[in-house]
Amino acid sequence: MTKNRLEAFSDGVLAIIITIMVLEIRVPEEPTWHGLLTVLPTLFSYLLSFVYIGIYWNNHHHLLRLASGVNGGILWANLHLLFWLSLFPFVTRWSDESGFAEVPVMVYGITLLLAALAFYILERALIRYQGADGALATALGRDWKGKGSPFIYLAGTLVAVVQPLAAMGVFAIAALIWLVPDRRVERFVGDGRGE
């Protein structure tokens, strides 16, 4: 399998995940502004999960642009990542429908944590295949965001024990950190080293 097929498959799975999430949004029971206010928590949880899927899609794209190829281990690492991302519709809906109760928000955080670890495993598999002196390893450098994010997700999960809504705020802050593009990787892609 070429890296193009891997990317196309992943793009399709992520598109389906987003579609499932949007289909799970309930329409307000009444056609008023008050009715819209009643579904704002649902829209917030959808927006947060949508942003996370978008972040993974962007970073996955950059990883594969800099990758020199794929092997069986990379294919399984990619499927491992897609598995955790495929749980986003479930944890998003559960958190929302429970009124952001402790356990569903903790499971949301655990899912974010495991998706981040799966992405790190995929990164390492691609670097191992390409070599430590390859474009991907050079572009990622120390990767402080990638290594620090699991600690933020763990902290948010622990905060959910006492204040689930505050935990959702922690998860939103982590998403904001990732919204800033990784300029090192973009520079490598822009230089044509990922072609």
N, C-alpha and C. Protein backbone atom coordinates (compact mmCIF):
# COMPACT_ATOMS: atom_id res chain seq x y z
N MET A 1 0.84 -1.18 0.00
CA MET A 1 0.00 0.00 0.00
C MET A 1 0.88 1.24 0.00
N THR A 2 0.52 2.21 -0.82
CA THR A 2 1.27 3.45 -0.85
C THR A 2 0.75 4.39 0.24
N LYS A 3 1.55 5.41 0.53
CA LYS A 3 1.09 6.36 1.53
C LYS A 3 -0.12 7.14 1.03
N ASN A 4 -0.30 7.25 -0.29
CA ASN A 4 -1.48 7.93 -0.84
C ASN A 4 -2.76 7.16 -0.50
N ARG A 5 -2.71 5.84 -0.61
CA ARG A 5 -3.89 5.04 -0.26
C ARG A 5 -4.18 5.13 1.23
N LEU A 6 -3.14 5.12 2.04
CA LEU A 6 -3.32 5.25 3.49
C LEU A 6 -3.97 6.59 3.81
N GLU A 7 -3.52 7.66 3.18
CA GLU A 7 -4.07 8.98 3.43
C GLU A 7 -5.52 9.05 2.94
N ALA A 8 -5.81 8.50 1.78
CA ALA A 8 -7.18 8.53 1.25
C ALA A 8 -8.13 7.75 2.17
N PHE A 9 -7.69 6.59 2.63
CA PHE A 9 -8.51 5.80 3.55
C PHE A 9 -8.78 6.57 4.83
N SER A 10 -7.74 7.16 5.38
CA SER A 10 -7.86 7.93 6.63
C SER A 10 -8.78 9.12 6.43
N ASP A 11 -8.65 9.82 5.30
CA ASP A 11 -9.52 10.96 5.02
C ASP A 11 -10.98 10.52 4.99
N GLY A 12 -11.24 9.37 4.38
CA GLY A 12 -12.61 8.85 4.31
C GLY A 12 -13.17 8.53 5.68
N VAL A 13 -12.35 7.89 6.52
CA VAL A 13 -12.80 7.55 7.87
C VAL A 13 -13.09 8.81 8.68
N LEU A 14 -12.22 9.80 8.58
CA LEU A 14 -12.43 11.04 9.33
C LEU A 14 -13.68 11.78 8.83
N ALA A 15 -13.94 11.74 7.53
CA ALA A 15 -15.15 12.36 7.00
C ALA A 15 -16.40 11.66 7.54
N ILE A 16 -16.34 10.36 7.64
CA ILE A 16 -17.48 9.61 8.19
C ILE A 16 -17.68 9.94 9.67
N ILE A 17 -16.59 10.06 10.42
CA ILE A 17 -16.69 10.40 11.84
C ILE A 17 -17.39 11.75 12.01
N ILE A 18 -16.99 12.74 11.22
CA ILE A 18 -17.61 14.06 11.30
C ILE A 18 -19.09 13.98 10.91
N THR A 19 -19.39 13.20 9.89
CA THR A 19 -20.77 13.05 9.45
C THR A 19 -21.63 12.43 10.55
N ILE A 20 -21.10 11.41 11.19
CA ILE A 20 -21.86 10.77 12.28
C ILE A 20 -22.10 11.78 13.40
N MET A 21 -21.08 12.57 13.73
CA MET A 21 -21.25 13.54 14.82
C MET A 21 -22.32 14.57 14.49
N VAL A 22 -22.33 15.07 13.27
CA VAL A 22 -23.30 16.11 12.94
C VAL A 22 -24.71 15.53 12.86
N LEU A 23 -24.84 14.29 12.46
CA LEU A 23 -26.16 13.67 12.40
C LEU A 23 -26.75 13.42 13.79
N GLU A 24 -25.89 13.42 14.80
CA GLU A 24 -26.36 13.17 16.16
C GLU A 24 -26.80 14.45 16.88
N ILE A 25 -26.66 15.59 16.21
CA ILE A 25 -27.10 16.84 16.83
C ILE A 25 -28.62 16.90 16.76
N ARG A 26 -29.21 17.09 17.91
CA ARG A 26 -30.67 17.19 17.99
C ARG A 26 -31.13 18.58 17.55
N VAL A 27 -32.23 18.62 16.85
CA VAL A 27 -32.85 19.89 16.46
C VAL A 27 -33.61 20.41 17.68
N PRO A 28 -33.60 21.73 17.91
CA PRO A 28 -34.36 22.27 19.04
C PRO A 28 -35.83 21.88 18.95
N GLU A 29 -36.43 21.64 20.11
CA GLU A 29 -37.83 21.23 20.14
C GLU A 29 -38.78 22.37 19.75
N GLU A 30 -38.35 23.58 19.98
CA GLU A 30 -39.20 24.71 19.60
C GLU A 30 -38.41 25.65 18.68
N PRO A 31 -39.07 26.25 17.67
CA PRO A 31 -38.38 27.09 16.69
C PRO A 31 -38.21 28.53 17.18
N THR A 32 -37.50 28.66 18.32
CA THR A 32 -37.30 29.98 18.92
C THR A 32 -35.84 30.10 19.33
N TRP A 33 -35.46 31.34 19.72
CA TRP A 33 -34.10 31.54 20.23
C TRP A 33 -33.89 30.74 21.51
N HIS A 34 -34.93 30.67 22.32
CA HIS A 34 -34.84 29.87 23.54
C HIS A 34 -34.60 28.40 23.20
N GLY A 35 -35.29 27.92 22.17
CA GLY A 35 -35.09 26.54 21.72
C GLY A 35 -33.65 26.31 21.30
N LEU A 36 -33.08 27.31 20.60
CA LEU A 36 -31.68 27.19 20.19
C LEU A 36 -30.76 27.17 21.41
N LEU A 37 -31.07 27.97 22.41
CA LEU A 37 -30.26 27.98 23.64
C LEU A 37 -30.24 26.62 24.32
N THR A 38 -31.32 25.87 24.19
CA THR A 38 -31.37 24.56 24.85
C THR A 38 -30.41 23.55 24.22
N VAL A 39 -30.01 23.78 22.98
CA VAL A 39 -29.08 22.84 22.34
C VAL A 39 -27.65 23.39 22.28
N LEU A 40 -27.39 24.54 22.91
CA LEU A 40 -26.03 25.09 22.90
C LEU A 40 -24.98 24.13 23.48
N PRO A 41 -25.27 23.43 24.58
CA PRO A 41 -24.26 22.46 25.05
C PRO A 41 -23.95 21.39 23.99
N THR A 42 -24.95 20.97 23.27
CA THR A 42 -24.75 19.99 22.20
C THR A 42 -23.85 20.57 21.11
N LEU A 43 -24.12 21.81 20.74
CA LEU A 43 -23.31 22.46 19.71
C LEU A 43 -21.88 22.67 20.18
N PHE A 44 -21.71 22.99 21.47
CA PHE A 44 -20.36 23.15 22.01
C PHE A 44 -19.59 21.84 21.95
N SER A 45 -20.22 20.76 22.38
CA SER A 45 -19.50 19.47 22.38
C SER A 45 -19.20 19.03 20.96
N TYR A 46 -20.13 19.29 20.02
CA TYR A 46 -19.88 18.98 18.61
C TYR A 46 -18.71 19.82 18.10
N LEU A 47 -18.73 21.12 18.37
CA LEU A 47 -17.67 22.01 17.90
C LEU A 47 -16.31 21.55 18.41
N LEU A 48 -16.23 21.24 19.70
CA LEU A 48 -14.95 20.80 20.27
C LEU A 48 -14.46 19.52 19.59
N SER A 49 -15.33 18.55 19.43
CA SER A 49 -14.92 17.30 18.78
C SER A 49 -14.59 17.52 17.31
N PHE A 50 -15.35 18.39 16.63
CA PHE A 50 -15.07 18.71 15.23
C PHE A 50 -13.67 19.32 15.11
N VAL A 51 -13.35 20.24 16.00
CA VAL A 51 -12.02 20.87 15.98
C VAL A 51 -10.94 19.82 16.19
N TYR A 52 -11.16 18.91 17.14
CA TYR A 52 -10.16 17.85 17.36
C TYR A 52 -9.97 16.99 16.12
N ILE A 53 -11.06 16.59 15.47
CA ILE A 53 -10.94 15.79 14.25
C ILE A 53 -10.19 16.59 13.19
N GLY A 54 -10.49 17.88 13.07
CA GLY A 54 -9.78 18.73 12.12
C GLY A 54 -8.30 18.83 12.42
N ILE A 55 -7.96 18.93 13.69
CA ILE A 55 -6.54 18.99 14.09
C ILE A 55 -5.84 17.70 13.70
N TYR A 56 -6.46 16.57 13.99
CA TYR A 56 -5.85 15.29 13.62
C TYR A 56 -5.74 15.16 12.11
N TRP A 57 -6.74 15.61 11.38
CA TRP A 57 -6.70 15.52 9.92
C TRP A 57 -5.53 16.35 9.37
N ASN A 58 -5.39 17.59 9.86
CA ASN A 58 -4.28 18.45 9.41
C ASN A 58 -2.93 17.85 9.74
N ASN A 59 -2.76 17.42 10.98
CA ASN A 59 -1.46 16.89 11.38
C ASN A 59 -1.15 15.56 10.69
N HIS A 60 -2.16 14.75 10.47
CA HIS A 60 -1.99 13.48 9.74
C HIS A 60 -1.53 13.78 8.32
N HIS A 61 -2.13 14.78 7.70
CA HIS A 61 -1.74 15.18 6.35
C HIS A 61 -0.27 15.59 6.31
N HIS A 62 0.15 16.41 7.27
CA HIS A 62 1.54 16.84 7.30
C HIS A 62 2.50 15.68 7.54
N LEU A 63 2.12 14.78 8.44
CA LEU A 63 2.96 13.61 8.69
C LEU A 63 3.20 12.83 7.40
N LEU A 64 2.11 12.57 6.70
CA LEU A 64 2.23 11.74 5.50
C LEU A 64 2.92 12.48 4.35
N ARG A 65 2.82 13.80 4.31
CA ARG A 65 3.55 14.56 3.29
C ARG A 65 5.06 14.40 3.48
N LEU A 66 5.49 14.30 4.73
CA LEU A 66 6.92 14.18 5.01
C LEU A 66 7.39 12.73 5.08
N ALA A 67 6.45 11.79 5.09
CA ALA A 67 6.82 10.37 5.18
C ALA A 67 7.39 9.89 3.84
N SER A 68 8.36 9.01 3.92
CA SER A 68 8.96 8.47 2.70
C SER A 68 8.22 7.24 2.19
N GLY A 69 7.42 6.62 3.02
CA GLY A 69 6.69 5.43 2.62
C GLY A 69 5.99 4.83 3.83
N VAL A 70 5.34 3.69 3.61
CA VAL A 70 4.64 3.01 4.69
C VAL A 70 4.97 1.53 4.67
N ASN A 71 4.81 0.89 5.82
CA ASN A 71 4.96 -0.56 5.92
C ASN A 71 3.82 -1.09 6.78
N GLY A 72 3.83 -2.38 7.05
CA GLY A 72 2.75 -2.99 7.82
C GLY A 72 2.58 -2.39 9.21
N GLY A 73 3.68 -2.09 9.88
CA GLY A 73 3.60 -1.49 11.21
C GLY A 73 2.93 -0.12 11.18
N ILE A 74 3.23 0.64 10.15
CA ILE A 74 2.63 1.97 9.99
C ILE A 74 1.13 1.83 9.71
N LEU A 75 0.76 0.85 8.91
CA LEU A 75 -0.66 0.63 8.62
C LEU A 75 -1.42 0.33 9.91
N TRP A 76 -0.86 -0.53 10.75
CA TRP A 76 -1.53 -0.86 12.02
C TRP A 76 -1.53 0.33 12.98
N ALA A 77 -0.45 1.09 13.00
CA ALA A 77 -0.42 2.29 13.86
C ALA A 77 -1.48 3.28 13.40
N ASN A 78 -1.67 3.41 12.10
CA ASN A 78 -2.70 4.31 11.57
C ASN A 78 -4.10 3.82 11.95
N LEU A 79 -4.33 2.51 11.82
CA LEU A 79 -5.63 1.95 12.21
C LEU A 79 -5.88 2.13 13.71
N HIS A 80 -4.82 2.02 14.50
CA HIS A 80 -4.93 2.24 15.95
C HIS A 80 -5.41 3.67 16.22
N LEU A 81 -4.83 4.64 15.51
CA LEU A 81 -5.26 6.04 15.66
C LEU A 81 -6.72 6.19 15.23
N LEU A 82 -7.07 5.63 14.08
CA LEU A 82 -8.44 5.77 13.58
C LEU A 82 -9.45 5.13 14.53
N PHE A 83 -9.05 4.05 15.21
CA PHE A 83 -9.96 3.43 16.18
C PHE A 83 -10.35 4.43 17.26
N TRP A 84 -9.36 5.08 17.86
CA TRP A 84 -9.67 6.02 18.95
C TRP A 84 -10.45 7.21 18.43
N LEU A 85 -10.11 7.70 17.23
CA LEU A 85 -10.86 8.82 16.67
C LEU A 85 -12.30 8.42 16.35
N SER A 86 -12.50 7.16 15.99
CA SER A 86 -13.87 6.71 15.66
C SER A 86 -14.77 6.70 16.88
N LEU A 87 -14.21 6.76 18.08
CA LEU A 87 -15.01 6.81 19.30
C LEU A 87 -15.48 8.23 19.63
N PHE A 88 -14.99 9.24 18.92
CA PHE A 88 -15.38 10.62 19.20
C PHE A 88 -16.89 10.83 19.13
N PRO A 89 -17.60 10.31 18.11
CA PRO A 89 -19.06 10.51 18.12
C PRO A 89 -19.73 9.95 19.37
N PHE A 90 -19.28 8.78 19.81
CA PHE A 90 -19.86 8.16 21.01
C PHE A 90 -19.60 9.00 22.26
N VAL A 91 -18.33 9.36 22.51
CA VAL A 91 -18.01 10.09 23.73
C VAL A 91 -18.57 11.50 23.70
N THR A 92 -18.67 12.08 22.50
CA THR A 92 -19.26 13.41 22.37
C THR A 92 -20.74 13.37 22.75
N ARG A 93 -21.45 12.42 22.19
CA ARG A 93 -22.89 12.31 22.47
C ARG A 93 -23.15 11.94 23.94
N TRP A 94 -22.35 11.02 24.47
CA TRP A 94 -22.55 10.60 25.85
C TRP A 94 -22.33 11.77 26.81
N SER A 95 -21.24 12.52 26.57
CA SER A 95 -20.97 13.68 27.43
C SER A 95 -22.12 14.67 27.37
N ASP A 96 -22.58 14.95 26.16
CA ASP A 96 -23.67 15.91 25.98
C ASP A 96 -24.96 15.42 26.61
N GLU A 97 -25.37 14.20 26.29
CA GLU A 97 -26.66 13.70 26.78
C GLU A 97 -26.69 13.48 28.29
N SER A 98 -25.51 13.34 28.89
CA SER A 98 -25.48 13.17 30.34
C SER A 98 -25.47 14.52 31.06
N GLY A 99 -25.46 15.61 30.29
CA GLY A 99 -25.35 16.93 30.91
C GLY A 99 -23.94 17.16 31.42
N PHE A 100 -22.96 16.55 30.75
CA PHE A 100 -21.54 16.64 31.10
C PHE A 100 -21.29 16.12 32.52
N ALA A 101 -21.78 14.91 32.74
CA ALA A 101 -21.58 14.24 34.03
C ALA A 101 -20.13 13.74 34.13
N GLU A 102 -19.74 13.41 35.35
CA GLU A 102 -18.36 13.03 35.65
C GLU A 102 -17.82 11.90 34.77
N VAL A 103 -18.46 10.76 34.77
CA VAL A 103 -17.91 9.59 34.06
C VAL A 103 -17.86 9.81 32.55
N PRO A 104 -18.92 10.31 31.91
CA PRO A 104 -18.80 10.54 30.46
C PRO A 104 -17.70 11.53 30.09
N VAL A 105 -17.53 12.59 30.89
CA VAL A 105 -16.47 13.56 30.59
C VAL A 105 -15.11 12.92 30.83
N MET A 106 -15.00 12.08 31.85
CA MET A 106 -13.73 11.36 32.06
C MET A 106 -13.42 10.45 30.88
N VAL A 107 -14.43 9.75 30.38
CA VAL A 107 -14.23 8.87 29.23
C VAL A 107 -13.87 9.70 27.99
N TYR A 108 -14.46 10.88 27.85
CA TYR A 108 -14.08 11.79 26.76
C TYR A 108 -12.59 12.12 26.86
N GLY A 109 -12.14 12.47 28.06
CA GLY A 109 -10.73 12.78 28.28
C GLY A 109 -9.81 11.60 28.03
N ILE A 110 -10.24 10.43 28.47
CA ILE A 110 -9.44 9.22 28.24
C ILE A 110 -9.33 8.95 26.75
N THR A 111 -10.41 9.18 26.02
CA THR A 111 -10.38 8.98 24.56
C THR A 111 -9.42 9.97 23.91
N LEU A 112 -9.44 11.24 24.36
CA LEU A 112 -8.48 12.22 23.84
C LEU A 112 -7.05 11.78 24.15
N LEU A 113 -6.83 11.30 25.36
CA LEU A 113 -5.50 10.84 25.75
C LEU A 113 -5.04 9.67 24.87
N LEU A 114 -5.89 8.70 24.67
CA LEU A 114 -5.50 7.53 23.89
C LEU A 114 -5.33 7.86 22.41
N ALA A 115 -6.11 8.80 21.89
CA ALA A 115 -5.90 9.25 20.51
C ALA A 115 -4.55 9.95 20.38
N ALA A 116 -4.20 10.77 21.36
CA ALA A 116 -2.90 11.45 21.32
C ALA A 116 -1.75 10.46 21.38
N LEU A 117 -1.88 9.45 22.23
CA LEU A 117 -0.83 8.42 22.31
C LEU A 117 -0.75 7.63 21.01
N ALA A 118 -1.89 7.35 20.40
CA ALA A 118 -1.90 6.63 19.12
C ALA A 118 -1.25 7.47 18.03
N PHE A 119 -1.48 8.77 18.03
CA PHE A 119 -0.84 9.64 17.04
C PHE A 119 0.68 9.63 17.25
N TYR A 120 1.11 9.66 18.50
CA TYR A 120 2.54 9.62 18.80
C TYR A 120 3.15 8.30 18.31
N ILE A 121 2.45 7.21 18.51
CA ILE A 121 2.93 5.91 18.03
C ILE A 121 3.05 5.92 16.51
N LEU A 122 2.08 6.52 15.82
CA LEU A 122 2.16 6.62 14.36
C LEU A 122 3.35 7.47 13.95
N GLU A 123 3.57 8.58 14.62
CA GLU A 123 4.75 9.42 14.35
C GLU A 123 6.03 8.61 14.47
N ARG A 124 6.16 7.89 15.58
CA ARG A 124 7.38 7.11 15.83
C ARG A 124 7.55 6.02 14.76
N ALA A 125 6.46 5.39 14.35
CA ALA A 125 6.56 4.34 13.32
C ALA A 125 7.04 4.94 12.01
N LEU A 126 6.53 6.10 11.65
CA LEU A 126 6.96 6.76 10.41
C LEU A 126 8.42 7.19 10.48
N ILE A 127 8.83 7.71 11.63
CA ILE A 127 10.22 8.12 11.81
C ILE A 127 11.14 6.91 11.77
N ARG A 128 10.74 5.83 12.42
CA ARG A 128 11.54 4.61 12.41
C ARG A 128 11.74 4.10 10.98
N TYR A 129 10.68 4.15 10.18
CA TYR A 129 10.74 3.69 8.79
C TYR A 129 11.66 4.59 7.96
N GLN A 130 11.58 5.90 8.19
CA GLN A 130 12.33 6.87 7.40
C GLN A 130 13.76 7.06 7.92
N GLY A 131 13.93 6.89 9.18
CA GLY A 131 15.24 7.11 9.78
C GLY A 131 15.27 8.38 10.61
N ALA A 132 16.11 8.37 11.63
CA ALA A 132 16.19 9.49 12.56
C ALA A 132 16.69 10.77 11.92
N ASP A 133 17.35 10.67 10.77
CA ASP A 133 17.85 11.86 10.09
C ASP A 133 16.94 12.29 8.93
N GLY A 134 15.77 11.69 8.85
CA GLY A 134 14.82 12.01 7.78
C GLY A 134 14.12 13.33 7.99
N ALA A 135 13.37 13.73 6.98
CA ALA A 135 12.66 15.01 7.01
C ALA A 135 11.66 15.09 8.14
N LEU A 136 10.95 14.00 8.41
CA LEU A 136 9.92 14.02 9.45
C LEU A 136 10.52 14.24 10.83
N ALA A 137 11.55 13.47 11.17
CA ALA A 137 12.19 13.62 12.48
C ALA A 137 12.80 15.01 12.63
N THR A 138 13.40 15.51 11.58
CA THR A 138 14.00 16.84 11.62
C THR A 138 12.93 17.91 11.81
N ALA A 139 11.83 17.78 11.07
CA ALA A 139 10.75 18.78 11.16
C ALA A 139 10.10 18.78 12.53
N LEU A 140 9.87 17.61 13.11
CA LEU A 140 9.19 17.53 14.41
C LEU A 140 10.06 18.02 15.54
N GLY A 141 11.35 17.81 15.43
CA GLY A 141 12.25 18.25 16.50
C GLY A 141 11.87 17.65 17.83
N ARG A 142 11.80 18.48 18.85
CA ARG A 142 11.47 17.99 20.19
C ARG A 142 9.99 17.72 20.37
N ASP A 143 9.14 18.31 19.54
CA ASP A 143 7.70 18.06 19.52
C ASP A 143 7.07 18.26 20.90
N TRP A 144 7.25 19.44 21.47
CA TRP A 144 6.74 19.71 22.81
C TRP A 144 5.22 19.60 22.88
N LYS A 145 4.52 20.01 21.82
CA LYS A 145 3.06 19.91 21.87
C LYS A 145 2.62 18.45 21.88
N GLY A 146 3.25 17.63 21.06
CA GLY A 146 2.89 16.22 21.00
C GLY A 146 3.19 15.48 22.30
N LYS A 147 4.28 15.83 22.93
CA LYS A 147 4.65 15.17 24.18
C LYS A 147 3.91 15.75 25.39
N GLY A 148 3.51 17.01 25.31
CA GLY A 148 2.84 17.65 26.43
C GLY A 148 1.34 17.44 26.47
N SER A 149 0.74 17.25 25.30
CA SER A 149 -0.72 17.13 25.22
C SER A 149 -1.28 15.99 26.08
N PRO A 150 -0.67 14.81 26.08
CA PRO A 150 -1.24 13.75 26.93
C PRO A 150 -1.35 14.15 28.40
N PHE A 151 -0.44 14.97 28.88
CA PHE A 151 -0.51 15.42 30.27
C PHE A 151 -1.68 16.38 30.48
N ILE A 152 -1.97 17.20 29.46
CA ILE A 152 -3.13 18.10 29.55
C ILE A 152 -4.41 17.27 29.58
N TYR A 153 -4.49 16.24 28.71
CA TYR A 153 -5.69 15.39 28.68
C TYR A 153 -5.84 14.63 30.00
N LEU A 154 -4.74 14.17 30.55
CA LEU A 154 -4.79 13.47 31.83
C LEU A 154 -5.25 14.43 32.93
N ALA A 155 -4.72 15.66 32.92
CA ALA A 155 -5.13 16.65 33.92
C ALA A 155 -6.62 16.95 33.79
N GLY A 156 -7.09 17.13 32.55
CA GLY A 156 -8.52 17.38 32.34
C GLY A 156 -9.38 16.24 32.82
N THR A 157 -8.91 15.02 32.59
CA THR A 157 -9.66 13.84 33.03
C THR A 157 -9.75 13.81 34.55
N LEU A 158 -8.68 14.17 35.22
CA LEU A 158 -8.69 14.20 36.69
C LEU A 158 -9.57 15.34 37.21
N VAL A 159 -9.55 16.48 36.51
CA VAL A 159 -10.41 17.61 36.90
C VAL A 159 -11.87 17.21 36.81
N ALA A 160 -12.21 16.33 35.85
CA ALA A 160 -13.60 15.89 35.65
C ALA A 160 -14.17 15.21 36.89
N VAL A 161 -13.31 14.68 37.74
CA VAL A 161 -13.79 14.02 38.96
C VAL A 161 -14.50 15.02 39.87
N VAL A 162 -14.00 16.26 39.91
CA VAL A 162 -14.60 17.27 40.79
C VAL A 162 -15.44 18.30 40.05
N GLN A 163 -15.10 18.58 38.76
CA GLN A 163 -15.82 19.60 38.01
C GLN A 163 -15.78 19.28 36.51
N PRO A 164 -16.71 18.48 36.04
CA PRO A 164 -16.70 18.05 34.64
C PRO A 164 -16.70 19.19 33.63
N LEU A 165 -17.45 20.27 33.90
CA LEU A 165 -17.46 21.38 32.93
C LEU A 165 -16.10 22.07 32.85
N ALA A 166 -15.40 22.16 33.97
CA ALA A 166 -14.05 22.72 33.95
C ALA A 166 -13.12 21.82 33.14
N ALA A 167 -13.34 20.52 33.22
CA ALA A 167 -12.53 19.58 32.43
C ALA A 167 -12.74 19.83 30.94
N MET A 168 -13.98 20.09 30.53
CA MET A 168 -14.24 20.40 29.13
C MET A 168 -13.49 21.67 28.73
N GLY A 169 -13.38 22.60 29.66
CA GLY A 169 -12.59 23.81 29.41
C GLY A 169 -11.12 23.49 29.21
N VAL A 170 -10.59 22.56 30.01
CA VAL A 170 -9.20 22.13 29.85
C VAL A 170 -9.00 21.51 28.47
N PHE A 171 -9.95 20.68 28.05
CA PHE A 171 -9.85 20.05 26.73
C PHE A 171 -9.93 21.09 25.62
N ALA A 172 -10.73 22.14 25.83
CA ALA A 172 -10.84 23.22 24.84
C ALA A 172 -9.52 23.99 24.75
N ILE A 173 -8.86 24.21 25.89
CA ILE A 173 -7.57 24.90 25.89
C ILE A 173 -6.54 24.08 25.12
N ALA A 174 -6.54 22.77 25.32
CA ALA A 174 -5.60 21.91 24.58
C ALA A 174 -5.86 22.02 23.08
N ALA A 175 -7.12 22.07 22.68
CA ALA A 175 -7.45 22.22 21.26
C ALA A 175 -6.94 23.56 20.73
N LEU A 176 -7.07 24.62 21.52
CA LEU A 176 -6.58 25.93 21.09
C LEU A 176 -5.07 25.92 20.86
N ILE A 177 -4.35 25.19 21.70
CA ILE A 177 -2.89 25.07 21.52
C ILE A 177 -2.58 24.46 20.16
N TRP A 178 -3.38 23.46 19.76
CA TRP A 178 -3.14 22.76 18.49
C TRP A 178 -3.66 23.52 17.29
N LEU A 179 -4.53 24.51 17.49
CA LEU A 179 -5.03 25.28 16.35
C LEU A 179 -3.91 26.09 15.69
N VAL A 180 -2.90 26.45 16.47
CA VAL A 180 -1.75 27.15 15.91
C VAL A 180 -0.95 26.14 15.09
N PRO A 181 -0.82 26.36 13.78
CA PRO A 181 -0.11 25.38 12.95
C PRO A 181 1.34 25.20 13.39
N ASP A 182 1.83 23.99 13.22
CA ASP A 182 3.22 23.69 13.55
C ASP A 182 4.09 24.22 12.42
N ARG A 183 4.69 25.35 12.64
CA ARG A 183 5.44 26.03 11.59
C ARG A 183 6.65 25.23 11.10
N ARG A 184 7.23 24.43 11.99
CA ARG A 184 8.39 23.63 11.56
C ARG A 184 7.98 22.65 10.47
N VAL A 185 6.90 21.95 10.68
CA VAL A 185 6.45 20.96 9.71
C VAL A 185 5.97 21.67 8.44
N GLU A 186 5.22 22.76 8.59
CA GLU A 186 4.74 23.49 7.42
C GLU A 186 5.90 24.01 6.58
N ARG A 187 6.97 24.44 7.23
CA ARG A 187 8.14 24.93 6.50
C ARG A 187 8.75 23.82 5.67
N PHE A 188 8.85 22.63 6.25
CA PHE A 188 9.40 21.48 5.51
C PHE A 188 8.51 21.12 4.32
N VAL A 189 7.22 21.12 4.55
CA VAL A 189 6.28 20.79 3.46
C VAL A 189 6.38 21.86 2.38
N GLY A 190 6.44 23.13 2.80
CA GLY A 190 6.53 24.23 1.84
C GLY A 190 7.83 24.23 1.05
N ASP A 191 8.90 23.72 1.64
CA ASP A 191 10.20 23.65 0.97
C ASP A 191 10.25 22.51 -0.05
N GLY A 192 9.21 21.69 -0.08
CA GLY A 192 9.20 20.58 -1.02
C GLY A 192 9.92 19.34 -0.52
N ARG A 193 10.34 19.34 0.75
CA ARG A 193 11.05 18.16 1.28
C ARG A 193 10.11 17.02 1.56
N GLY A 194 8.82 17.31 1.59
CA GLY A 194 7.84 16.26 1.84
C GLY A 194 7.23 15.72 0.56
N GLU A 195 7.78 16.04 -0.57
CA GLU A 195 7.23 15.57 -1.85
C GLU A 195 7.79 14.21 -2.21
